[in-house]
N, C-alpha and C. Protein backbone atom coordinates (compact mmCIF):
# COMPACT_ATOMS: atom_id res chain seq x y z
N MET A 1 -10.97 24.69 9.66
CA MET A 1 -9.98 25.93 9.26
C MET A 1 -9.11 25.71 10.24
N LEU A 2 -8.93 25.11 11.58
CA LEU A 2 -8.14 24.80 12.17
C LEU A 2 -6.90 24.24 11.81
N ALA A 3 -7.26 22.76 10.65
CA ALA A 3 -6.55 22.26 9.96
C ALA A 3 -5.45 22.85 8.98
N ILE A 4 -6.22 23.98 8.25
CA ILE A 4 -5.71 24.74 7.40
C ILE A 4 -4.80 25.64 8.10
N ILE A 5 -4.65 26.38 8.85
CA ILE A 5 -4.13 27.07 9.62
C ILE A 5 -2.76 26.76 10.20
N GLY A 6 -2.96 25.53 10.86
CA GLY A 6 -1.54 24.54 11.54
C GLY A 6 -1.28 24.05 10.23
N LEU A 7 -1.82 23.94 8.89
CA LEU A 7 -1.00 23.51 7.37
C LEU A 7 0.04 24.71 7.50
N LEU A 8 -0.80 25.96 7.19
CA LEU A 8 -0.16 27.17 6.68
C LEU A 8 1.43 27.36 7.81
N ILE A 9 0.68 27.33 9.17
CA ILE A 9 1.89 27.70 10.09
C ILE A 9 2.88 26.51 9.89
N GLY A 10 2.95 25.28 9.69
CA GLY A 10 3.73 24.42 9.85
C GLY A 10 4.41 24.47 8.05
N LEU A 11 3.83 25.04 7.09
CA LEU A 11 4.78 24.71 6.04
C LEU A 11 5.56 26.64 6.13
N VAL A 12 5.16 27.32 6.58
CA VAL A 12 6.04 28.74 6.40
C VAL A 12 7.15 28.49 7.99
N LEU A 13 6.89 28.07 8.82
CA LEU A 13 7.42 27.32 9.81
C LEU A 13 9.38 26.23 8.84
N GLY A 14 8.69 25.80 8.12
CA GLY A 14 9.41 24.60 7.74
C GLY A 14 10.17 25.23 6.64
N PHE A 15 10.04 25.89 6.04
CA PHE A 15 10.45 27.12 5.16
C PHE A 15 11.39 27.91 5.50
N LEU A 16 11.23 28.61 6.48
CA LEU A 16 11.69 29.73 7.21
C LEU A 16 12.87 29.13 8.30
N LEU A 17 12.94 27.95 8.65
CA LEU A 17 13.57 27.31 9.36
C LEU A 17 14.58 26.35 9.16
N ASP A 18 14.14 25.98 7.84
CA ASP A 18 14.98 24.75 7.31
C ASP A 18 14.92 23.40 8.21
N PRO A 19 14.71 23.11 8.96
CA PRO A 19 15.12 21.78 9.46
C PRO A 19 15.51 20.93 9.03
N SER A 20 17.02 19.76 9.75
CA SER A 20 17.49 19.01 9.10
C SER A 20 16.52 17.46 9.41
N ILE A 21 16.34 16.73 8.43
CA ILE A 21 16.05 15.40 9.38
C ILE A 21 16.94 14.28 9.60
N PRO A 22 16.99 14.02 10.55
CA PRO A 22 17.99 12.88 11.53
C PRO A 22 17.79 11.40 9.85
N THR A 23 18.86 11.10 10.36
CA THR A 23 19.30 10.17 8.88
C THR A 23 18.58 8.72 9.36
N TRP A 24 18.11 8.73 10.07
CA TRP A 24 17.59 7.39 10.63
C TRP A 24 15.81 7.86 10.34
N LEU A 25 15.74 9.04 10.20
CA LEU A 25 14.29 8.84 9.94
C LEU A 25 14.59 9.32 8.30
N GLN A 26 14.82 9.40 7.55
CA GLN A 26 14.54 10.03 6.29
C GLN A 26 14.21 8.53 5.12
N PRO A 27 14.51 7.64 5.74
CA PRO A 27 13.06 6.49 4.90
C PRO A 27 12.17 6.84 4.86
N TYR A 28 11.55 6.92 6.32
CA TYR A 28 10.02 6.86 6.62
C TYR A 28 9.55 8.42 6.13
N LEU A 29 10.30 9.77 5.78
CA LEU A 29 9.88 10.80 5.57
C LEU A 29 8.17 10.84 4.49
N PRO A 30 8.93 9.98 3.15
CA PRO A 30 8.01 10.21 2.08
C PRO A 30 7.40 9.70 2.35
N ILE A 31 6.57 8.72 3.22
CA ILE A 31 5.86 7.35 3.76
C ILE A 31 4.95 8.77 4.83
N MET A 32 5.10 9.04 5.40
CA MET A 32 4.88 10.30 6.38
C MET A 32 3.94 11.16 5.49
N VAL A 33 4.78 11.70 4.75
CA VAL A 33 4.28 13.29 3.80
C VAL A 33 2.90 12.37 2.91
N VAL A 34 3.18 10.98 2.32
CA VAL A 34 1.82 10.39 1.96
C VAL A 34 0.64 10.29 2.73
N ALA A 35 0.85 10.12 3.65
CA ALA A 35 0.13 9.28 4.91
C ALA A 35 -1.09 10.71 5.05
N SER A 36 0.04 11.81 5.67
CA SER A 36 -0.57 13.03 5.44
C SER A 36 -1.48 13.42 4.97
N LEU A 37 -1.18 13.32 3.27
CA LEU A 37 -1.74 13.87 1.89
C LEU A 37 -3.21 13.30 2.55
N ASP A 38 -3.20 11.69 2.95
CA ASP A 38 -4.40 11.24 2.50
C ASP A 38 -5.31 11.50 3.43
N ALA A 39 -4.37 12.31 4.60
CA ALA A 39 -5.65 12.67 5.52
C ALA A 39 -6.34 13.57 5.49
N LEU A 40 -5.21 14.80 4.78
CA LEU A 40 -5.59 15.84 4.81
C LEU A 40 -6.60 16.01 2.97
N PHE A 41 -6.46 15.09 2.59
CA PHE A 41 -7.62 14.92 0.97
C PHE A 41 -8.87 14.34 1.82
N GLY A 42 -8.61 13.71 2.40
CA GLY A 42 -10.11 12.81 3.21
C GLY A 42 -10.72 14.10 4.44
N ALA A 43 -9.91 15.03 4.95
CA ALA A 43 -10.84 16.12 5.56
C ALA A 43 -11.09 16.64 4.83
N PHE A 44 -10.43 17.74 3.54
CA PHE A 44 -11.16 18.27 3.15
C PHE A 44 -12.16 17.63 2.28
N ARG A 45 -12.38 16.74 1.72
CA ARG A 45 -13.97 15.73 1.15
C ARG A 45 -14.83 15.99 2.74
N ALA A 46 -13.87 15.36 4.27
CA ALA A 46 -15.51 15.66 4.89
C ALA A 46 -15.67 16.93 5.35
N TYR A 47 -15.10 17.86 5.13
CA TYR A 47 -15.06 19.28 4.95
C TYR A 47 -16.51 19.56 3.68
N LEU A 48 -16.09 19.23 3.06
CA LEU A 48 -16.95 19.89 1.55
C LEU A 48 -18.88 18.91 1.88
N ASP A 49 -18.33 17.51 2.55
CA ASP A 49 -19.75 16.61 2.75
C ASP A 49 -20.34 17.67 3.64
N GLY A 50 -19.66 18.28 4.39
CA GLY A 50 -20.28 19.01 6.26
C GLY A 50 -20.06 17.85 7.16
N GLU A 51 -19.17 16.59 6.87
CA GLU A 51 -18.85 16.51 7.97
C GLU A 51 -17.41 16.23 8.55
N PHE A 52 -16.71 17.32 8.38
CA PHE A 52 -15.70 17.58 9.42
C PHE A 52 -15.76 17.38 10.77
N SER A 53 -14.62 17.02 11.17
CA SER A 53 -14.38 17.20 12.89
C SER A 53 -12.91 16.86 12.87
N ASP A 54 -12.58 17.87 13.78
CA ASP A 54 -11.49 18.62 13.77
C ASP A 54 -10.81 17.27 14.73
N ARG A 55 -11.03 16.93 15.72
CA ARG A 55 -10.86 15.44 16.16
C ARG A 55 -10.62 14.10 15.42
N THR A 56 -11.42 13.95 14.53
CA THR A 56 -11.44 13.18 13.48
C THR A 56 -9.59 13.26 12.71
N PHE A 57 -9.90 14.98 12.33
CA PHE A 57 -8.77 14.81 11.61
C PHE A 57 -7.28 14.10 12.47
N ILE A 58 -7.26 14.91 13.24
CA ILE A 58 -5.76 14.79 13.74
C ILE A 58 -5.80 13.31 14.32
N ILE A 59 -6.77 12.53 14.74
CA ILE A 59 -6.70 11.38 15.08
C ILE A 59 -6.07 10.56 13.59
N SER A 60 -6.56 10.97 12.90
CA SER A 60 -6.53 10.16 11.71
C SER A 60 -5.41 10.38 11.02
N PHE A 61 -4.70 11.96 10.73
CA PHE A 61 -3.39 12.36 10.84
C PHE A 61 -2.63 11.39 11.30
N LEU A 62 -2.80 11.18 12.40
CA LEU A 62 -1.49 11.14 13.46
C LEU A 62 -1.60 9.66 13.09
N TRP A 63 -2.84 8.78 13.45
CA TRP A 63 -2.56 7.52 13.61
C TRP A 63 -2.09 7.16 11.59
N ASN A 64 -2.86 7.68 10.75
CA ASN A 64 -2.16 7.56 9.02
C ASN A 64 -0.46 6.91 9.59
N VAL A 65 0.02 8.62 9.67
CA VAL A 65 1.52 8.81 9.96
C VAL A 65 2.24 7.54 10.43
N LEU A 66 1.66 6.68 11.95
CA LEU A 66 1.93 6.62 12.54
C LEU A 66 1.79 4.75 12.19
N LEU A 67 0.79 4.63 11.74
CA LEU A 67 0.26 3.25 11.35
C LEU A 67 1.84 3.10 9.66
N ALA A 68 1.58 4.20 8.56
CA ALA A 68 2.28 3.80 7.28
C ALA A 68 4.04 3.83 7.81
N SER A 69 3.95 4.55 9.04
CA SER A 69 5.58 4.64 9.57
C SER A 69 6.21 2.31 10.18
N MET A 70 4.80 2.88 10.92
CA MET A 70 5.64 1.35 11.83
C MET A 70 5.39 0.00 10.47
N LEU A 71 4.58 -0.01 9.48
CA LEU A 71 4.59 -1.37 8.62
C LEU A 71 5.95 -0.66 7.60
N VAL A 72 6.63 0.20 7.04
CA VAL A 72 8.10 0.09 6.30
C VAL A 72 8.75 -0.11 7.77
N PHE A 73 8.49 -0.05 8.47
CA PHE A 73 9.76 -0.05 9.89
C PHE A 73 9.96 -1.44 10.12
N ILE A 74 8.64 -2.32 9.99
CA ILE A 74 8.69 -3.56 10.45
C ILE A 74 9.12 -4.70 9.17
N GLY A 75 8.80 -4.32 7.85
CA GLY A 75 9.43 -4.33 6.46
C GLY A 75 10.73 -4.15 6.59
N ASP A 76 11.82 -3.33 6.47
CA ASP A 76 12.53 -3.34 7.31
C ASP A 76 13.38 -4.30 7.81
N LYS A 77 12.48 -4.12 8.76
CA LYS A 77 13.62 -5.51 9.84
C LYS A 77 13.16 -6.51 9.18
N LEU A 78 11.91 -6.95 8.57
CA LEU A 78 11.96 -8.17 7.43
C LEU A 78 12.73 -8.10 6.47
N GLY A 79 13.23 -7.13 6.08
CA GLY A 79 14.16 -7.45 4.69
C GLY A 79 13.39 -7.18 3.24
N VAL A 80 11.99 -6.21 3.60
CA VAL A 80 11.50 -6.04 2.70
C VAL A 80 11.09 -4.78 2.54
N GLY A 81 12.11 -3.49 3.48
CA GLY A 81 11.60 -2.91 3.23
C GLY A 81 11.02 -1.84 2.08
N SER A 82 11.92 -2.32 0.58
CA SER A 82 11.10 -1.51 -0.25
C SER A 82 9.82 -1.69 -0.97
N GLN A 83 9.31 -3.08 -0.55
CA GLN A 83 7.83 -3.68 -0.29
C GLN A 83 6.91 -3.06 -0.03
N MET A 84 7.31 -2.86 1.50
CA MET A 84 6.30 -2.64 1.90
C MET A 84 6.11 -1.06 1.65
N THR A 85 7.53 -0.64 1.46
CA THR A 85 6.42 0.99 1.23
C THR A 85 6.04 1.09 -0.21
N MET A 86 6.53 -0.13 -0.81
CA MET A 86 5.66 0.65 -2.35
C MET A 86 4.41 0.12 -1.85
N ALA A 87 4.34 -0.54 -0.92
CA ALA A 87 2.87 -1.28 -0.95
C ALA A 87 1.78 -0.28 0.06
N VAL A 88 2.34 0.38 0.68
CA VAL A 88 1.64 1.76 1.96
C VAL A 88 2.00 3.36 0.56
N VAL A 89 2.45 3.01 -0.40
CA VAL A 89 2.23 3.92 -1.30
C VAL A 89 1.30 4.11 -2.64
N VAL A 90 0.82 2.65 -2.69
CA VAL A 90 0.19 2.31 -3.50
C VAL A 90 -1.67 2.50 -2.74
N VAL A 91 -1.63 1.94 -1.44
CA VAL A 91 -2.58 1.92 -0.94
C VAL A 91 -3.27 3.29 -0.73
N LEU A 92 -2.29 3.99 0.06
CA LEU A 92 -2.64 5.08 0.51
C LEU A 92 -2.83 6.02 -1.05
N GLY A 93 -1.93 6.06 -2.15
CA GLY A 93 -2.35 6.38 -3.21
C GLY A 93 -3.86 7.04 -3.72
N ILE A 94 -4.02 5.74 -3.65
CA ILE A 94 -5.77 4.78 -3.93
C ILE A 94 -6.65 5.97 -3.21
N ARG A 95 -6.36 5.63 -2.04
CA ARG A 95 -7.26 6.50 -0.96
C ARG A 95 -7.14 8.01 -1.62
N ILE A 96 -6.22 8.91 -2.04
CA ILE A 96 -6.05 9.58 -2.11
C ILE A 96 -6.57 10.02 -3.29
N PHE A 97 -6.19 9.06 -4.42
CA PHE A 97 -6.97 9.51 -5.91
C PHE A 97 -8.55 9.43 -5.89
N SER A 98 -9.40 8.43 -4.64
CA SER A 98 -10.61 8.36 -4.52
C SER A 98 -10.73 9.17 -4.07
N ASN A 99 -10.70 9.83 -3.24
CA ASN A 99 -10.81 11.09 -2.45
C ASN A 99 -10.85 12.83 -3.13
N ALA A 100 -9.83 12.51 -4.06
CA ALA A 100 -9.66 13.43 -5.42
C ALA A 100 -10.82 13.55 -6.23
N ALA A 101 -10.89 11.87 -6.41
CA ALA A 101 -12.04 12.05 -7.53
C ALA A 101 -13.88 12.73 -6.94
N ALA A 102 -13.69 12.27 -5.63
CA ALA A 102 -15.17 12.45 -5.18
C ALA A 102 -15.20 14.45 -4.58
N LEU A 103 -13.70 14.77 -4.18
CA LEU A 103 -13.86 16.13 -3.98
C LEU A 103 -14.18 17.12 -5.63
N ARG A 104 -13.90 16.43 -6.57
CA ARG A 104 -13.85 16.97 -8.30
C ARG A 104 -15.54 16.91 -8.77
N ARG A 105 -15.91 15.84 -7.84
CA ARG A 105 -17.51 15.49 -8.06
C ARG A 105 -18.29 16.46 -7.34
N HIS A 106 -17.78 17.10 -6.43
CA HIS A 106 -18.59 17.80 -5.21
C HIS A 106 -18.12 19.02 -5.61
N VAL A 107 -16.79 19.55 -6.13
CA VAL A 107 -16.96 20.97 -7.13
C VAL A 107 -17.44 21.44 -8.10
N PHE A 108 -17.15 20.20 -9.04
CA PHE A 108 -18.19 20.61 -10.23
C PHE A 108 -19.22 19.74 -10.74
N GLU A 109 -19.70 19.62 -9.39
CA GLU A 109 -21.14 18.86 -9.31
C GLU A 109 -21.33 17.73 -11.16
N VAL A 110 -20.25 17.24 -10.96
CA VAL A 110 -20.43 16.33 -12.26
C VAL A 110 -20.63 14.65 -11.28
């Protein structure tokens, strides 16, 4: 429940304050969003399975964002930023769809 409240507060503040993103951070923002969605879908799946832990969610959320950003940063420094970004998006996308499939099975009991 804490995660949902935090998400709603963050969304409201984001829309009301309309923050500007620094130029150096803009290439990493889409990766951070995808990593965040992965953690969010994983948390929702754990909640429906009765295994949710707020500590695990916070650590997973921060770790996913940090690790995905580091991988893209390293890819930029090596000159393969777009390929590394694509790799991160594919891996996290697979995890998101895997969690979404589990959620669908749980909700519709199929």
